Amino acid sequence: MKETVLTREIRTAIEQALDACEKKDSGGAAKILKKEIDRMEQLNLYQDGNADYYDFNTLMEMVMFQSRHPDIRPIVDIEEPFNRLYAMYGSVLLENGALDEAEEALAVAMDWNPMSADIAFEHAEVFRRKKDWEALKKQTIEIFPIAYKRREIAHAYRNLGFYFCEKQMWDEAVGCYLMSMTFAEAEGRFQAEQELKYIYEETKGEASRPSIGAMRSYGEKHHFPIGPDMEIIETALRYGKSMLAARKYPHAAYFLDIAYKLTENKEIKQLLDGIDKKVSSER
């Protein structure tokens, strides 16, 4: 699909802002993004009441939203990258220390894409900078049901670990950082390891590693899950198997790969291997 003039103009503004950020001109980046946002808001798009309009970044985000909101119809995934425009503006404002304005911009970005864990993490970062620990905890817990990538789950546990450190709840913090390391990539593991080192030094080695039973108790008490969200896994599996039955192999592989990376289930791996063989034989 050929992109519209409006989409191209927004992408150009984002690219110009990125270039300004690379040149350490965050003030200039903010002006570019604010000018584009003001222009978009004057156009007053998608206020016709004919549908619920969103700007999802991935197919899985849209599917998760549809699965959780079957009552909302119709849902239209717009072409214009509105969520990215507002999210980048919020991030630049955050970098500049304009926390209230950043919170507002990131809230709008989340309205456009309520399924983006990355935007939600940036929103949570506002509360961390404000030292509003309870808001940080609440926002982070709300991310788990939309975290469909391992790095996102790892990030959520690191946020909780930080919260528990601030509350000097050391065993809970240790447990969360260890959970984070289970899902993290190299950089995330390093960050968790550094925090565990800090806890060890701060408590003179007295903080203990909680058992899985203790972690479940902490999760129940503080309302966070232990492991990936089961609804996400079930949704990815359902769509993956449906696409497989319809012989839409790229889409089947996309969804099944999400489910496999969250579970490392052998049966899902067999389905993925079967898709690979099928696609190879048809080339």
Protein backbone atom coordinates (compact mmCIF):
# COMPACT_ATOMS: atom_id res chain seq x y z
CA MET A 1 0.00 0.00 0.00
CA LYS A 2 1.34 3.41 -1.00
CA GLU A 3 1.68 5.69 2.00
CA THR A 4 -0.36 8.87 2.09
CA VAL A 5 1.07 12.37 1.97
CA LEU A 6 0.05 12.85 5.60
CA THR A 7 1.88 9.73 6.71
CA ARG A 8 4.98 10.80 4.82
CA GLU A 9 4.88 14.25 6.43
CA ILE A 10 4.65 12.77 9.94
CA ARG A 11 7.49 10.34 9.24
CA THR A 12 9.60 13.21 7.92
CA ALA A 13 9.01 15.20 11.11
CA ILE A 14 9.97 12.18 13.21
CA GLU A 15 13.15 11.65 11.16
CA GLN A 16 14.07 15.33 11.55
CA ALA A 17 13.52 15.08 15.30
CA LEU A 18 15.67 11.95 15.46
CA ASP A 19 18.42 13.76 13.61
CA ALA A 20 18.18 16.67 16.08
CA CYS A 21 18.42 14.22 18.99
CA GLU A 22 21.53 12.64 17.48
CA LYS A 23 23.04 16.13 17.39
CA LYS A 24 22.17 16.55 21.09
CA ASP A 25 19.56 19.18 20.22
CA SER A 26 16.62 17.85 22.24
CA GLY A 27 15.09 21.31 22.41
CA GLY A 28 15.03 21.49 18.62
CA ALA A 29 13.56 17.99 18.43
CA ALA A 30 10.76 18.99 20.81
CA LYS A 31 9.90 22.02 18.67
CA ILE A 32 9.74 19.93 15.49
CA LEU A 33 7.47 17.33 17.09
CA LYS A 34 5.24 19.91 18.82
CA LYS A 35 4.73 21.77 15.54
CA GLU A 36 3.69 18.54 13.81
CA ILE A 37 1.37 17.55 16.68
CA ASP A 38 -0.31 20.97 16.61
CA ARG A 39 -0.84 20.61 12.86
CA MET A 40 -2.33 17.12 13.24
CA GLU A 41 -4.66 18.21 16.02
CA GLN A 42 -5.95 21.10 13.92
CA LEU A 43 -6.92 18.62 11.20
CA ASN A 44 -9.18 16.89 13.77
CA LEU A 45 -8.94 13.51 12.07
CA TYR A 46 -10.85 10.36 13.03
CA GLN A 47 -13.53 12.10 15.06
CA ASP A 48 -16.40 10.92 12.84
CA GLY A 49 -17.83 8.41 15.33
CA ASN A 50 -17.98 5.68 12.68
CA ALA A 51 -15.32 3.47 14.30
CA ASP A 52 -12.76 3.21 17.08
CA TYR A 53 -9.44 4.31 15.60
CA TYR A 54 -6.07 3.07 16.83
CA ASP A 55 -2.48 3.06 15.64
CA PHE A 56 -0.97 -0.34 16.41
CA ASN A 57 2.69 -1.08 15.65
CA THR A 58 2.37 -4.83 15.14
CA LEU A 59 -0.20 -7.42 14.13
CA MET A 60 0.01 -9.03 17.58
CA GLU A 61 -0.89 -5.75 19.25
CA MET A 62 -4.03 -5.44 17.16
CA VAL A 63 -4.98 -9.08 17.75
CA MET A 64 -4.49 -8.74 21.52
CA PHE A 65 -6.70 -5.66 21.57
CA GLN A 66 -9.43 -7.34 19.52
CA SER A 67 -9.33 -10.42 21.76
CA ARG A 68 -9.67 -8.37 24.93
CA HIS A 69 -12.30 -5.98 23.58
CA PRO A 70 -14.74 -8.05 21.52
CA ASP A 71 -17.44 -5.48 22.26
CA ILE A 72 -15.62 -2.71 20.36
CA ARG A 73 -16.60 -2.79 16.70
CA PRO A 74 -15.47 -1.72 14.26
CA ILE A 75 -11.77 -1.27 15.09
CA VAL A 76 -9.69 0.55 12.51
CA ASP A 77 -5.88 0.46 12.55
CA ILE A 78 -4.91 3.76 10.92
CA GLU A 79 -1.90 4.25 8.69
CA GLU A 80 -0.56 7.47 10.21
CA PRO A 81 2.07 6.87 12.94
CA PHE A 82 0.31 8.97 15.58
CA ASN A 83 1.41 6.84 18.50
CA ARG A 84 5.04 7.14 17.49
CA LEU A 85 4.72 10.91 17.04
CA TYR A 86 3.31 11.43 20.54
CA ALA A 87 5.58 8.80 22.10
CA MET A 88 8.71 10.40 20.72
CA TYR A 89 7.54 13.84 21.81
CA GLY A 90 6.92 12.46 25.29
CA SER A 91 10.36 10.85 25.38
CA VAL A 92 12.06 14.08 24.35
CA LEU A 93 10.13 16.03 26.98
CA LEU A 94 11.13 13.40 29.54
CA GLU A 95 14.76 13.83 28.54
CA ASN A 96 14.37 17.59 28.94
CA GLY A 97 12.90 17.20 32.42
CA ALA A 98 9.43 18.45 31.47
CA LEU A 99 7.76 15.63 33.37
CA ASP A 100 4.14 16.81 33.44
CA GLU A 101 4.15 17.55 29.70
CA ALA A 102 5.86 14.22 29.02
CA GLU A 103 3.23 12.38 31.04
CA GLU A 104 0.47 14.05 29.02
CA ALA A 105 2.05 13.30 25.64
CA LEU A 106 2.75 9.67 26.54
CA ALA A 107 -0.83 9.25 27.78
CA VAL A 108 -2.05 10.35 24.35
CA ALA A 109 0.38 7.92 22.70
CA MET A 110 -1.10 5.15 24.86
CA ASP A 111 -4.60 6.18 23.80
CA TRP A 112 -3.57 5.61 20.20
CA ASN A 113 -1.85 2.33 21.03
CA PRO A 114 -2.90 0.84 24.38
CA MET A 115 -1.07 -2.40 23.55
CA SER A 116 2.47 -0.99 23.29
CA ALA A 117 4.60 -2.07 26.24
CA ASP A 118 7.40 0.24 25.09
CA ILE A 119 5.19 3.32 25.33
CA ALA A 120 3.84 2.16 28.69
CA PHE A 121 7.38 1.72 30.02
CA GLU A 122 8.23 5.27 28.97
CA HIS A 123 5.09 6.44 30.76
CA ALA A 124 6.21 4.52 33.85
CA GLU A 125 9.60 6.22 33.61
CA VAL A 126 7.85 9.56 34.18
CA PHE A 127 6.65 8.28 37.56
CA ARG A 128 10.13 6.99 38.39
CA ARG A 129 11.58 10.44 37.68
CA LYS A 130 8.86 12.00 39.82
CA LYS A 131 9.65 9.49 42.58
CA ASP A 132 5.99 8.49 42.60
CA TRP A 133 6.73 4.88 43.52
CA GLU A 134 3.12 3.71 43.82
CA ALA A 135 2.26 5.07 40.37
CA LEU A 136 5.38 3.38 38.99
CA LYS A 137 4.31 0.08 40.52
CA LYS A 138 0.72 0.42 39.26
CA GLN A 139 1.80 1.31 35.72
CA THR A 140 4.31 -1.54 35.62
CA ILE A 141 1.80 -4.15 36.78
CA GLU A 142 -0.55 -2.99 34.02
CA ILE A 143 2.15 -3.75 31.45
CA PHE A 144 2.32 -7.49 32.14
CA PRO A 145 -0.96 -8.26 30.27
CA ILE A 146 0.43 -6.64 27.08
CA ALA A 147 4.05 -7.82 27.38
CA TYR A 148 4.37 -10.44 24.62
CA LYS A 149 8.15 -10.27 24.23
CA ARG A 150 10.61 -11.72 26.70
CA ARG A 151 12.55 -8.45 26.97
CA GLU A 152 9.31 -6.67 27.92
CA ILE A 153 8.61 -9.13 30.73
CA ALA A 154 12.22 -8.73 31.91
CA HIS A 155 11.83 -4.95 31.91
CA ALA A 156 8.63 -5.16 33.95
CA TYR A 157 10.33 -7.27 36.62
CA ARG A 158 13.26 -4.82 36.74
CA ASN A 159 10.79 -1.98 37.32
CA LEU A 160 9.24 -3.92 40.20
CA GLY A 161 12.70 -4.69 41.54
CA PHE A 162 13.44 -0.97 41.56
CA TYR A 163 10.15 -0.27 43.35
CA PHE A 164 10.89 -2.84 46.06
CA CYS A 165 14.41 -1.45 46.49
CA GLU A 166 12.97 2.00 47.12
CA LYS A 167 10.66 0.43 49.71
CA GLN A 168 13.63 -1.50 51.18
CA MET A 169 11.73 -4.74 50.62
CA TRP A 170 14.94 -6.51 49.75
CA ASP A 171 13.81 -10.13 49.35
CA GLU A 172 11.01 -9.06 46.99
CA ALA A 173 13.51 -6.96 45.03
CA VAL A 174 15.96 -9.86 44.72
CA GLY A 175 13.18 -12.14 43.51
CA CYS A 176 12.06 -9.66 40.86
CA TYR A 177 15.58 -9.11 39.54
CA LEU A 178 16.15 -12.86 39.35
CA MET A 179 12.84 -13.24 37.49
CA SER A 180 13.99 -10.49 35.15
CA MET A 181 17.20 -12.37 34.37
CA THR A 182 15.12 -15.40 33.37
CA PHE A 183 13.60 -13.46 30.48
CA ALA A 184 16.23 -10.80 29.75
CA GLU A 185 18.62 -10.41 26.86
CA ALA A 186 22.27 -9.58 27.50
CA GLU A 187 21.80 -5.90 28.35
CA GLY A 188 18.84 -6.58 30.59
CA ARG A 189 20.72 -9.33 32.42
CA PHE A 190 23.60 -6.96 33.04
CA GLN A 191 21.26 -4.32 34.47
CA ALA A 192 19.64 -6.87 36.78
CA GLU A 193 23.04 -8.17 37.89
CA GLN A 194 24.15 -4.63 38.77
CA GLU A 195 21.03 -4.11 40.86
CA LEU A 196 21.55 -7.42 42.66
CA LYS A 197 25.10 -6.32 43.43
CA TYR A 198 23.74 -3.05 44.84
CA ILE A 199 21.27 -4.94 47.06
CA TYR A 200 24.04 -7.24 48.31
CA GLU A 201 26.20 -4.26 49.26
CA GLU A 202 23.30 -2.27 50.73
CA THR A 203 22.11 -5.16 52.93
CA LYS A 204 25.62 -6.50 53.65
CA GLY A 205 24.59 -9.80 52.11
CA GLU A 206 21.50 -10.28 54.30
CA ALA A 207 18.88 -10.13 51.52
CA SER A 208 17.87 -13.66 50.64
CA ARG A 209 16.86 -15.37 47.43
CA PRO A 210 13.13 -16.15 47.75
CA SER A 211 11.71 -19.53 46.78
CA ILE A 212 9.22 -19.79 43.92
CA GLY A 213 6.53 -20.24 46.57
CA ALA A 214 7.57 -17.01 48.25
CA MET A 215 7.56 -15.24 44.88
CA ARG A 216 4.02 -16.44 44.23
CA SER A 217 3.04 -15.03 47.61
CA TYR A 218 4.66 -11.70 46.76
CA GLY A 219 2.85 -11.73 43.42
CA GLU A 220 -0.52 -12.38 45.04
CA LYS A 221 0.05 -9.68 47.64
CA HIS A 222 1.24 -7.04 45.18
CA HIS A 223 -0.87 -8.15 42.18
CA PHE A 224 1.86 -9.05 39.69
CA PRO A 225 2.14 -12.34 37.77
CA ILE A 226 4.87 -14.95 37.94
CA GLY A 227 5.79 -15.57 34.34
CA PRO A 228 4.18 -14.59 31.01
CA ASP A 229 0.52 -13.69 30.71
CA MET A 230 -1.45 -16.84 29.84
CA GLU A 231 -4.01 -14.95 27.78
CA ILE A 232 -1.24 -13.69 25.49
CA ILE A 233 0.04 -17.23 24.97
CA GLU A 234 -3.45 -18.57 24.30
CA THR A 235 -4.19 -15.78 21.83
CA ALA A 236 -0.94 -16.33 19.93
CA LEU A 237 -1.58 -20.08 19.82
CA ARG A 238 -5.18 -19.68 18.68
CA TYR A 239 -4.30 -17.33 15.85
CA GLY A 240 -1.22 -19.35 14.90
CA LYS A 241 -3.18 -22.59 14.58
CA SER A 242 -5.99 -20.81 12.72
CA MET A 243 -3.52 -19.36 10.23
CA LEU A 244 -1.88 -22.77 9.88
CA ALA A 245 -5.21 -24.42 9.11
CA ALA A 246 -5.81 -21.73 6.47
CA ARG A 247 -2.31 -22.42 5.04
CA LYS A 248 -1.27 -18.84 5.69
CA TYR A 249 2.18 -19.98 6.73
CA PRO A 250 3.99 -16.64 7.32
CA HIS A 251 1.20 -15.47 9.65
CA ALA A 252 1.06 -18.88 11.35
CA ALA A 253 4.81 -18.78 11.97
CA TYR A 254 4.56 -15.21 13.30
CA PHE A 255 2.01 -16.07 15.97
CA LEU A 256 3.41 -19.47 16.87
CA ASP A 257 6.89 -18.00 17.27
CA ILE A 258 5.51 -15.55 19.85
CA ALA A 259 3.93 -18.42 21.79
CA TYR A 260 7.07 -20.54 21.55
CA LYS A 261 9.43 -17.83 22.78
CA LEU A 262 7.23 -17.32 25.84
CA THR A 263 6.85 -21.02 26.64
CA GLU A 264 9.65 -22.95 24.87
CA ASN A 265 7.01 -25.64 24.40
CA LYS A 266 8.24 -28.60 22.30
CA GLU A 267 4.89 -29.11 20.56
CA ILE A 268 4.87 -25.51 19.37
CA LYS A 269 8.45 -25.94 18.15
CA GLN A 270 7.33 -28.97 16.14
CA LEU A 271 4.61 -26.89 14.50
CA LEU A 272 7.16 -24.22 13.59
CA ASP A 273 9.55 -26.81 12.18
CA GLY A 274 6.69 -28.26 10.15
CA ILE A 275 5.93 -24.83 8.70
CA ASP A 276 9.59 -24.39 7.75
CA LYS A 277 9.59 -27.75 5.94
CA LYS A 278 6.31 -26.96 4.20
CA VAL A 279 7.52 -23.57 2.99
CA SER A 280 10.86 -25.03 1.86
CA SER A 281 9.15 -27.79 -0.12
CA GLU A 282 6.95 -25.27 -1.94
CA ARG A 283 9.83 -23.09 -3.10
